[in-house]
PDB file of all heavy atoms in Angstrom:
ATOM      1  N   SER A   1       0.805  -1.223   0.000  1.00  0.00           N
ATOM      2  CA  SER A   1       0.000   0.000   0.000  1.00  0.00           C
ATOM      3  C   SER A   1       0.839   1.275   0.000  1.00  0.00           C
ATOM      4  O   SER A   1       0.352   2.343  -0.368  1.00  0.00           O
ATOM      5  CB  SER A   1      -0.926   0.015   1.222  1.00  0.00           C
ATOM      6  OG  SER A   1      -1.797  -1.087   1.207  1.00  0.00           O
ATOM      7  N   GLY A   2       2.099   1.169   0.403  1.00  0.00           N
ATOM      8  CA  GLY A   2       2.960   2.343   0.450  1.00  0.00           C
ATOM      9  C   GLY A   2       4.003   2.324  -0.650  1.00  0.00           C
ATOM     10  O   GLY A   2       3.906   3.048  -1.642  1.00  0.00           O
ATOM     11  N   ILE A   3       5.020   1.471  -0.500  1.00  0.00           N
ATOM     12  CA  ILE A   3       6.162   1.470  -1.422  1.00  0.00           C
ATOM     13  C   ILE A   3       5.731   1.119  -2.844  1.00  0.00           C
ATOM     14  O   ILE A   3       6.083   1.810  -3.805  1.00  0.00           O
ATOM     15  CB  ILE A   3       7.238   0.486  -0.928  1.00  0.00           C
ATOM     16  CG1 ILE A   3       7.736   0.898   0.468  1.00  0.00           C
ATOM     17  CG2 ILE A   3       8.394   0.421  -1.909  1.00  0.00           C
ATOM     18  CD1 ILE A   3       8.641  -0.118   1.127  1.00  0.00           C
ATOM     19  N   GLU A   4       4.953   0.025  -2.987  1.00  0.00           N
ATOM     20  CA  GLU A   4       4.556  -0.412  -4.327  1.00  0.00           C
ATOM     21  C   GLU A   4       3.646   0.616  -4.996  1.00  0.00           C
ATOM     22  O   GLU A   4       3.844   0.977  -6.161  1.00  0.00           O
ATOM     23  CB  GLU A   4       3.853  -1.759  -4.246  1.00  0.00           C
ATOM     24  CG  GLU A   4       3.425  -2.305  -5.600  1.00  0.00           C
ATOM     25  CD  GLU A   4       2.845  -3.721  -5.506  1.00  0.00           C
ATOM     26  OE1 GLU A   4       2.964  -4.344  -4.433  1.00  0.00           O
ATOM     27  OE2 GLU A   4       2.275  -4.179  -6.513  1.00  0.00           O
ATOM     28  N   ARG A   5       2.663   1.121  -4.271  1.00  0.00           N
ATOM     29  CA  ARG A   5       1.706   2.064  -4.860  1.00  0.00           C
ATOM     30  C   ARG A   5       2.391   3.361  -5.272  1.00  0.00           C
ATOM     31  O   ARG A   5       2.166   3.878  -6.368  1.00  0.00           O
ATOM     32  CB  ARG A   5       0.588   2.347  -3.857  1.00  0.00           C
ATOM     33  CG  ARG A   5      -0.473   3.315  -4.371  1.00  0.00           C
ATOM     34  CD  ARG A   5      -1.602   3.464  -3.385  1.00  0.00           C
ATOM     35  NE  ARG A   5      -2.322   2.209  -3.194  1.00  0.00           N
ATOM     36  CZ  ARG A   5      -3.297   2.043  -2.298  1.00  0.00           C
ATOM     37  NH1 ARG A   5      -3.636   3.043  -1.499  1.00  0.00           N
ATOM     38  NH2 ARG A   5      -3.910   0.884  -2.200  1.00  0.00           N
ATOM     39  N   VAL A   6       3.238   3.891  -4.400  1.00  0.00           N
ATOM     40  CA  VAL A   6       3.921   5.151  -4.711  1.00  0.00           C
ATOM     41  C   VAL A   6       4.892   4.971  -5.875  1.00  0.00           C
ATOM     42  O   VAL A   6       5.005   5.832  -6.754  1.00  0.00           O
ATOM     43  CB  VAL A   6       4.659   5.680  -3.456  1.00  0.00           C
ATOM     44  CG1 VAL A   6       5.592   6.834  -3.807  1.00  0.00           C
ATOM     45  CG2 VAL A   6       3.657   6.127  -2.402  1.00  0.00           C
ATOM     46  N   SER A   7       5.598   3.829  -5.917  1.00  0.00           N
ATOM     47  CA  SER A   7       6.542   3.577  -7.008  1.00  0.00           C
ATOM     48  C   SER A   7       5.831   3.504  -8.347  1.00  0.00           C
ATOM     49  O   SER A   7       6.345   3.985  -9.368  1.00  0.00           O
ATOM     50  CB  SER A   7       7.314   2.277  -6.749  1.00  0.00           C
ATOM     51  OG  SER A   7       8.096   2.368  -5.580  1.00  0.00           O
ATOM     52  N   LYS A   8       4.637   2.893  -8.372  1.00  0.00           N
ATOM     53  CA  LYS A   8       3.887   2.779  -9.617  1.00  0.00           C
ATOM     54  C   LYS A   8       3.445   4.148 -10.137  1.00  0.00           C
ATOM     55  O   LYS A   8       3.216   4.321 -11.347  1.00  0.00           O
ATOM     56  CB  LYS A   8       2.657   1.889  -9.417  1.00  0.00           C
ATOM     57  CG  LYS A   8       2.971   0.404  -9.358  1.00  0.00           C
ATOM     58  CD  LYS A   8       1.700  -0.411  -9.180  1.00  0.00           C
ATOM     59  CE  LYS A   8       1.974  -1.912  -9.234  1.00  0.00           C
ATOM     60  NZ  LYS A   8       0.746  -2.711  -9.032  1.00  0.00           N
ATOM     61  N   ILE A   9       3.320   5.122  -9.241  1.00  0.00           N
ATOM     62  CA  ILE A   9       2.964   6.480  -9.657  1.00  0.00           C
ATOM     63  C   ILE A   9       4.203   7.278 -10.041  1.00  0.00           C
ATOM     64  O   ILE A   9       4.258   7.912 -11.096  1.00  0.00           O
ATOM     65  CB  ILE A   9       2.210   7.206  -8.518  1.00  0.00           C
ATOM     66  CG1 ILE A   9       0.880   6.506  -8.230  1.00  0.00           C
ATOM     67  CG2 ILE A   9       1.981   8.675  -8.880  1.00  0.00           C
ATOM     68  CD1 ILE A   9       0.185   7.006  -6.978  1.00  0.00           C
ATOM     69  N   LEU A  10       5.215   7.232  -9.185  1.00  0.00           N
ATOM     70  CA  LEU A  10       6.368   8.107  -9.369  1.00  0.00           C
ATOM     71  C   LEU A  10       7.274   7.680 -10.522  1.00  0.00           C
ATOM     72  O   LEU A  10       7.836   8.535 -11.223  1.00  0.00           O
ATOM     73  CB  LEU A  10       7.190   8.173  -8.076  1.00  0.00           C
ATOM     74  CG  LEU A  10       6.525   8.867  -6.886  1.00  0.00           C
ATOM     75  CD1 LEU A  10       7.487   8.942  -5.713  1.00  0.00           C
ATOM     76  CD2 LEU A  10       6.045  10.265  -7.257  1.00  0.00           C
ATOM     77  N   MET A  11       7.454   6.386 -10.735  1.00  0.00           N
ATOM     78  CA  MET A  11       8.380   5.950 -11.788  1.00  0.00           C
ATOM     79  C   MET A  11       7.914   6.357 -13.188  1.00  0.00           C
ATOM     80  O   MET A  11       8.718   6.848 -13.990  1.00  0.00           O
ATOM     81  CB  MET A  11       8.618   4.449 -11.695  1.00  0.00           C
ATOM     82  CG  MET A  11       9.487   4.036 -10.506  1.00  0.00           C
ATOM     83  SD  MET A  11      11.120   4.804 -10.528  1.00  0.00           S
ATOM     84  CE  MET A  11      11.867   3.941 -11.917  1.00  0.00           C
ATOM     85  N   PRO A  12       6.636   6.186 -13.543  1.00  0.00           N
ATOM     86  CA  PRO A  12       6.203   6.703 -14.855  1.00  0.00           C
ATOM     87  C   PRO A  12       6.364   8.216 -14.972  1.00  0.00           C
ATOM     88  O   PRO A  12       6.737   8.718 -16.041  1.00  0.00           O
ATOM     89  CB  PRO A  12       4.722   6.292 -14.925  1.00  0.00           C
ATOM     90  CG  PRO A  12       4.618   5.112 -14.032  1.00  0.00           C
ATOM     91  CD  PRO A  12       5.561   5.394 -12.901  1.00  0.00           C
ATOM     92  N   VAL A  13       6.077   8.946 -13.894  1.00  0.00           N
ATOM     93  CA  VAL A  13       6.268  10.403 -13.913  1.00  0.00           C
ATOM     94  C   VAL A  13       7.734  10.737 -14.154  1.00  0.00           C
ATOM     95  O   VAL A  13       8.077  11.632 -14.937  1.00  0.00           O
ATOM     96  CB  VAL A  13       5.781  11.029 -12.590  1.00  0.00           C
ATOM     97  CG1 VAL A  13       6.133  12.516 -12.533  1.00  0.00           C
ATOM     98  CG2 VAL A  13       4.277  10.849 -12.429  1.00  0.00           C
ATOM     99  N   LEU A  14       8.624   9.999 -13.480  1.00  0.00           N
ATOM    100  CA  LEU A  14      10.062  10.206 -13.656  1.00  0.00           C
ATOM    101  C   LEU A  14      10.456  10.033 -15.123  1.00  0.00           C
ATOM    102  O   LEU A  14      11.185  10.865 -15.683  1.00  0.00           O
ATOM    103  CB  LEU A  14      10.824   9.221 -12.776  1.00  0.00           C
ATOM    104  CG  LEU A  14      12.363   9.281 -12.783  1.00  0.00           C
ATOM    105  CD1 LEU A  14      12.916   8.897 -11.412  1.00  0.00           C
ATOM    106  CD2 LEU A  14      12.958   8.329 -13.827  1.00  0.00           C
ATOM    107  N   PHE A  15       9.983   8.973 -15.752  1.00  0.00           N
ATOM    108  CA  PHE A  15      10.337   8.727 -17.153  1.00  0.00           C
ATOM    109  C   PHE A  15       9.776   9.809 -18.073  1.00  0.00           C
ATOM    110  O   PHE A  15      10.452  10.251 -19.019  1.00  0.00           O
ATOM    111  CB  PHE A  15       9.839   7.348 -17.598  1.00  0.00           C
ATOM    112  CG  PHE A  15      10.815   6.245 -17.355  1.00  0.00           C
ATOM    113  CD1 PHE A  15      10.711   5.431 -16.249  1.00  0.00           C
ATOM    114  CD2 PHE A  15      11.871   6.035 -18.240  1.00  0.00           C
ATOM    115  CE1 PHE A  15      11.626   4.409 -16.015  1.00  0.00           C
ATOM    116  CE2 PHE A  15      12.794   5.013 -18.024  1.00  0.00           C
ATOM    117  CZ  PHE A  15      12.665   4.210 -16.911  1.00  0.00           C
ATOM    118  N   LEU A  16       8.557  10.263 -17.823  1.00  0.00           N
ATOM    119  CA  LEU A  16       7.962  11.302 -18.669  1.00  0.00           C
ATOM    120  C   LEU A  16       8.751  12.601 -18.584  1.00  0.00           C
ATOM    121  O   LEU A  16       9.035  13.247 -19.609  1.00  0.00           O
ATOM    122  CB  LEU A  16       6.497  11.540 -18.257  1.00  0.00           C
ATOM    123  CG  LEU A  16       5.503  10.436 -18.628  1.00  0.00           C
ATOM    124  CD1 LEU A  16       4.133  10.731 -18.029  1.00  0.00           C
ATOM    125  CD2 LEU A  16       5.397  10.303 -20.151  1.00  0.00           C
ATOM    126  N   ILE A  17       9.125  13.008 -17.362  1.00  0.00           N
ATOM    127  CA  ILE A  17       9.911  14.227 -17.204  1.00  0.00           C
ATOM    128  C   ILE A  17      11.271  14.072 -17.865  1.00  0.00           C
ATOM    129  O   ILE A  17      11.751  14.978 -18.560  1.00  0.00           O
ATOM    130  CB  ILE A  17      10.076  14.566 -15.708  1.00  0.00           C
ATOM    131  CG1 ILE A  17       8.724  14.902 -15.065  1.00  0.00           C
ATOM    132  CG2 ILE A  17      11.039  15.751 -15.522  1.00  0.00           C
ATOM    133  CD1 ILE A  17       8.799  15.102 -13.555  1.00  0.00           C
ATOM    134  N   LEU A  18      11.879  12.923 -17.679  1.00  0.00           N
ATOM    135  CA  LEU A  18      13.209  12.690 -18.235  1.00  0.00           C
ATOM    136  C   LEU A  18      13.178  12.725 -19.767  1.00  0.00           C
ATOM    137  O   LEU A  18      14.054  13.330 -20.407  1.00  0.00           O
ATOM    138  CB  LEU A  18      13.742  11.346 -17.742  1.00  0.00           C
ATOM    139  CG  LEU A  18      15.226  11.027 -17.985  1.00  0.00           C
ATOM    140  CD1 LEU A  18      16.114  12.163 -17.522  1.00  0.00           C
ATOM    141  CD2 LEU A  18      15.595   9.736 -17.263  1.00  0.00           C
ATOM    142  N   LEU A  19      12.167  12.116 -20.359  1.00  0.00           N
ATOM    143  CA  LEU A  19      12.051  12.131 -21.820  1.00  0.00           C
ATOM    144  C   LEU A  19      11.831  13.546 -22.345  1.00  0.00           C
ATOM    145  O   LEU A  19      12.374  13.921 -23.398  1.00  0.00           O
ATOM    146  CB  LEU A  19      10.908  11.210 -22.263  1.00  0.00           C
ATOM    147  CG  LEU A  19      11.163   9.705 -22.112  1.00  0.00           C
ATOM    148  CD1 LEU A  19       9.885   8.918 -22.367  1.00  0.00           C
ATOM    149  CD2 LEU A  19      12.265   9.244 -23.073  1.00  0.00           C
ATOM    150  N   ALA A  20      11.048  14.341 -21.621  1.00  0.00           N
ATOM    151  CA  ALA A  20      10.838  15.735 -22.028  1.00  0.00           C
ATOM    152  C   ALA A  20      12.148  16.524 -21.966  1.00  0.00           C
ATOM    153  O   ALA A  20      12.446  17.331 -22.853  1.00  0.00           O
ATOM    154  CB  ALA A  20       9.789  16.384 -21.132  1.00  0.00           C
ATOM    155  N   LEU A  21      12.945  16.284 -20.936  1.00  0.00           N
ATOM    156  CA  LEU A  21      14.232  16.964 -20.806  1.00  0.00           C
ATOM    157  C   LEU A  21      15.205  16.530 -21.907  1.00  0.00           C
ATOM    158  O   LEU A  21      15.962  17.345 -22.436  1.00  0.00           O
ATOM    159  CB  LEU A  21      14.834  16.682 -19.431  1.00  0.00           C
ATOM    160  CG  LEU A  21      14.143  17.363 -18.246  1.00  0.00           C
ATOM    161  CD1 LEU A  21      14.652  16.778 -16.930  1.00  0.00           C
ATOM    162  CD2 LEU A  21      14.396  18.868 -18.274  1.00  0.00           C
ATOM    163  N   VAL A  22      15.175  15.241 -22.247  1.00  0.00           N
ATOM    164  CA  VAL A  22      16.028  14.751 -23.337  1.00  0.00           C
ATOM    165  C   VAL A  22      15.650  15.437 -24.645  1.00  0.00           C
ATOM    166  O   VAL A  22      16.525  15.911 -25.399  1.00  0.00           O
ATOM    167  CB  VAL A  22      15.917  13.220 -23.479  1.00  0.00           C
ATOM    168  CG1 VAL A  22      16.591  12.747 -24.773  1.00  0.00           C
ATOM    169  CG2 VAL A  22      16.537  12.515 -22.281  1.00  0.00           C
ATOM    170  N   ALA A  23      14.353  15.495 -24.927  1.00  0.00           N
ATOM    171  CA  ALA A  23      13.894  16.128 -26.166  1.00  0.00           C
ATOM    172  C   ALA A  23      14.327  17.583 -26.232  1.00  0.00           C
ATOM    173  O   ALA A  23      14.778  18.066 -27.271  1.00  0.00           O
ATOM    174  CB  ALA A  23      12.372  16.015 -26.269  1.00  0.00           C
ATOM    175  N   ARG A  24      14.218  18.297 -25.110  1.00  0.00           N
ATOM    176  CA  ARG A  24      14.612  19.722 -25.104  1.00  0.00           C
ATOM    177  C   ARG A  24      16.118  19.875 -25.267  1.00  0.00           C
ATOM    178  O   ARG A  24      16.596  20.721 -26.028  1.00  0.00           O
ATOM    179  CB  ARG A  24      14.164  20.386 -23.789  1.00  0.00           C
ATOM    180  CG  ARG A  24      14.453  21.898 -23.766  1.00  0.00           C
ATOM    181  CD  ARG A  24      13.572  22.591 -24.786  1.00  0.00           C
ATOM    182  NE  ARG A  24      13.960  23.978 -25.016  1.00  0.00           N
ATOM    183  CZ  ARG A  24      14.720  24.392 -26.021  1.00  0.00           C
ATOM    184  NH1 ARG A  24      15.218  23.506 -26.878  1.00  0.00           N
ATOM    185  NH2 ARG A  24      14.996  25.659 -26.203  1.00  0.00           N
ATOM    186  N   SER A  25      16.868  19.066 -24.552  1.00  0.00           N
ATOM    187  CA  SER A  25      18.326  19.178 -24.579  1.00  0.00           C
ATOM    188  C   SER A  25      18.875  18.894 -25.972  1.00  0.00           C
ATOM    189  O   SER A  25      19.754  19.608 -26.477  1.00  0.00           O
ATOM    190  CB  SER A  25      18.943  18.214 -23.571  1.00  0.00           C
ATOM    191  OG  SER A  25      20.346  18.249 -23.606  1.00  0.00           O
TER     192      SER A  25
END
């Protein structure tokens, strides 16, 4: 309910932000 649930939310967000930064850079 804590680690697994939060990871499933944060990891996709991390990848989306990272891909946006790669595209800009």
